[in-house]
Amino acid sequence: MTVSQIVETTNKTKTQIGKKPVVVIPLREWRVIEDVLEDYEAKISMNYRASIEQARNQIKTKKIYSFDFTTGKTNRITMKKL
């Protein structure tokens, strides 16, 4: 669902309860909109970007390990394993 589709959907279903405008949409459509909003918020979040950069740096400096439950040993994670 694109932003224009979201705006179109919300413009069709405007109503008022008391003095405040309210948008009523089907739950199925809201779930799609909610996913789009979460993705958008994650993309613009500076903390999210910083955490990705930090994780990449940790991998480059070999500070990240994975745990193998079958052997009980840890292994360094490399960029190739991701």
C-alpha atoms as a PDB file:
ATOM      1  CA  MET A   1       0.000   0.000   0.000  1.00  0.00           C
ATOM      2  CA  THR A   2       1.389   3.381  -0.972  1.00  0.00           C
ATOM      3  CA  VAL A   3       1.037   6.633   0.925  1.00  0.00           C
ATOM      4  CA  SER A   4      -1.390   7.968  -1.682  1.00  0.00           C
ATOM      5  CA  GLN A   5      -3.574   4.873  -1.226  1.00  0.00           C
ATOM      6  CA  ILE A   6      -3.509   5.406   2.541  1.00  0.00           C
ATOM      7  CA  VAL A   7      -4.575   9.042   2.140  1.00  0.00           C
ATOM      8  CA  GLU A   8      -7.280   8.041  -0.324  1.00  0.00           C
ATOM      9  CA  THR A   9      -8.642   5.417   2.082  1.00  0.00           C
ATOM     10  CA  THR A  10      -8.705   7.799   5.029  1.00  0.00           C
ATOM     11  CA  ASN A  11     -10.325  10.613   3.011  1.00  0.00           C
ATOM     12  CA  LYS A  12     -13.216   8.331   2.029  1.00  0.00           C
ATOM     13  CA  THR A  13     -14.120   7.328   5.557  1.00  0.00           C
ATOM     14  CA  LYS A  14     -13.935  10.574   7.529  1.00  0.00           C
ATOM     15  CA  THR A  15     -16.590  11.147  10.119  1.00  0.00           C
ATOM     16  CA  GLN A  16     -16.979  13.168  13.290  1.00  0.00           C
ATOM     17  CA  ILE A  17     -17.556  12.106  16.847  1.00  0.00           C
ATOM     18  CA  GLY A  18     -18.263  15.186  18.884  1.00  0.00           C
ATOM     19  CA  LYS A  19     -16.079  18.012  17.587  1.00  0.00           C
ATOM     20  CA  LYS A  20     -13.090  15.884  16.595  1.00  0.00           C
ATOM     21  CA  PRO A  21     -12.735  14.269  13.167  1.00  0.00           C
ATOM     22  CA  VAL A  22     -12.276  10.506  13.277  1.00  0.00           C
ATOM     23  CA  VAL A  23     -11.166   8.058  10.613  1.00  0.00           C
ATOM     24  CA  VAL A  24     -12.830   4.651  10.599  1.00  0.00           C
ATOM     25  CA  ILE A  25     -11.265   1.952   8.439  1.00  0.00           C
ATOM     26  CA  PRO A  26     -11.528  -1.826   8.340  1.00  0.00           C
ATOM     27  CA  LEU A  27      -9.046  -3.657  10.560  1.00  0.00           C
ATOM     28  CA  ARG A  28      -7.514  -5.502   7.594  1.00  0.00           C
ATOM     29  CA  GLU A  29      -6.629  -2.193   5.911  1.00  0.00           C
ATOM     30  CA  TRP A  30      -5.317  -0.755   9.186  1.00  0.00           C
ATOM     31  CA  ARG A  31      -2.879  -3.662   9.559  1.00  0.00           C
ATOM     32  CA  VAL A  32      -1.439  -2.912   6.123  1.00  0.00           C
ATOM     33  CA  ILE A  33      -1.195   0.801   6.937  1.00  0.00           C
ATOM     34  CA  GLU A  34       0.401   0.024  10.300  1.00  0.00           C
ATOM     35  CA  ASP A  35       3.119  -2.072   8.626  1.00  0.00           C
ATOM     36  CA  VAL A  36       3.884   0.745   6.190  1.00  0.00           C
ATOM     37  CA  LEU A  37       4.060   3.284   9.023  1.00  0.00           C
ATOM     38  CA  GLU A  38       6.371   1.080  11.104  1.00  0.00           C
ATOM     39  CA  ASP A  39       8.718   0.634   8.144  1.00  0.00           C
ATOM     40  CA  TYR A  40       8.692   4.376   7.486  1.00  0.00           C
ATOM     41  CA  GLU A  41       9.370   5.240  11.132  1.00  0.00           C
ATOM     42  CA  ALA A  42      12.239   2.757  11.249  1.00  0.00           C
ATOM     43  CA  LYS A  43      13.796   4.239   8.114  1.00  0.00           C
ATOM     44  CA  ILE A  44      13.741   7.800   9.420  1.00  0.00           C
ATOM     45  CA  SER A  45      14.781   6.941  12.966  1.00  0.00           C
ATOM     46  CA  MET A  46      18.339   8.067  13.708  1.00  0.00           C
ATOM     47  CA  ASN A  47      18.599   5.549  16.566  1.00  0.00           C
ATOM     48  CA  TYR A  48      17.683   2.721  14.197  1.00  0.00           C
ATOM     49  CA  ARG A  49      20.293   3.819  11.677  1.00  0.00           C
ATOM     50  CA  ALA A  50      22.901   4.183  14.412  1.00  0.00           C
ATOM     51  CA  SER A  51      22.176   0.696  15.758  1.00  0.00           C
ATOM     52  CA  ILE A  52      22.618  -0.789  12.269  1.00  0.00           C
ATOM     53  CA  GLU A  53      25.918   1.042  11.836  1.00  0.00           C
ATOM     54  CA  GLN A  54      27.074  -0.100  15.280  1.00  0.00           C
ATOM     55  CA  ALA A  55      26.204  -3.719  14.493  1.00  0.00           C
ATOM     56  CA  ARG A  56      28.085  -3.537  11.189  1.00  0.00           C
ATOM     57  CA  ASN A  57      31.135  -2.116  12.953  1.00  0.00           C
ATOM     58  CA  GLN A  58      31.003  -4.883  15.560  1.00  0.00           C
ATOM     59  CA  ILE A  59      30.940  -7.475  12.799  1.00  0.00           C
ATOM     60  CA  LYS A  60      33.870  -5.827  11.013  1.00  0.00           C
ATOM     61  CA  THR A  61      35.930  -5.811  14.221  1.00  0.00           C
ATOM     62  CA  LYS A  62      34.883  -9.403  14.940  1.00  0.00           C
ATOM     63  CA  LYS A  63      33.137  -8.616  18.213  1.00  0.00           C
ATOM     64  CA  ILE A  64      29.997 -10.623  17.394  1.00  0.00           C
ATOM     65  CA  TYR A  65      29.714 -14.345  18.085  1.00  0.00           C
ATOM     66  CA  SER A  66      27.111 -16.977  17.359  1.00  0.00           C
ATOM     67  CA  PHE A  67      26.394 -19.900  19.648  1.00  0.00           C
ATOM     68  CA  ASP A  68      26.077 -23.394  18.211  1.00  0.00           C
ATOM     69  CA  PHE A  69      23.618 -25.284  20.429  1.00  0.00           C
ATOM     70  CA  THR A  70      24.644 -28.689  19.111  1.00  0.00           C
ATOM     71  CA  THR A  71      28.357 -28.323  19.877  1.00  0.00           C
ATOM     72  CA  GLY A  72      28.130 -25.790  22.700  1.00  0.00           C
ATOM     73  CA  LYS A  73      30.805 -23.618  21.072  1.00  0.00           C
ATOM     74  CA  THR A  74      30.858 -20.013  19.918  1.00  0.00           C
ATOM     75  CA  ASN A  75      31.977 -18.873  16.474  1.00  0.00           C
ATOM     76  CA  ARG A  76      32.881 -15.426  15.245  1.00  0.00           C
ATOM     77  CA  ILE A  77      30.382 -14.016  12.814  1.00  0.00           C
ATOM     78  CA  THR A  78      31.736 -12.594   9.579  1.00  0.00           C
ATOM     79  CA  MET A  79      30.010 -10.474   6.966  1.00  0.00           C
ATOM     80  CA  LYS A  80      29.880 -13.536   4.679  1.00  0.00           C
ATOM     81  CA  LYS A  81      27.669 -15.422   7.179  1.00  0.00           C
ATOM     82  CA  LEU A  82      25.105 -12.644   7.192  1.00  0.00           C
END
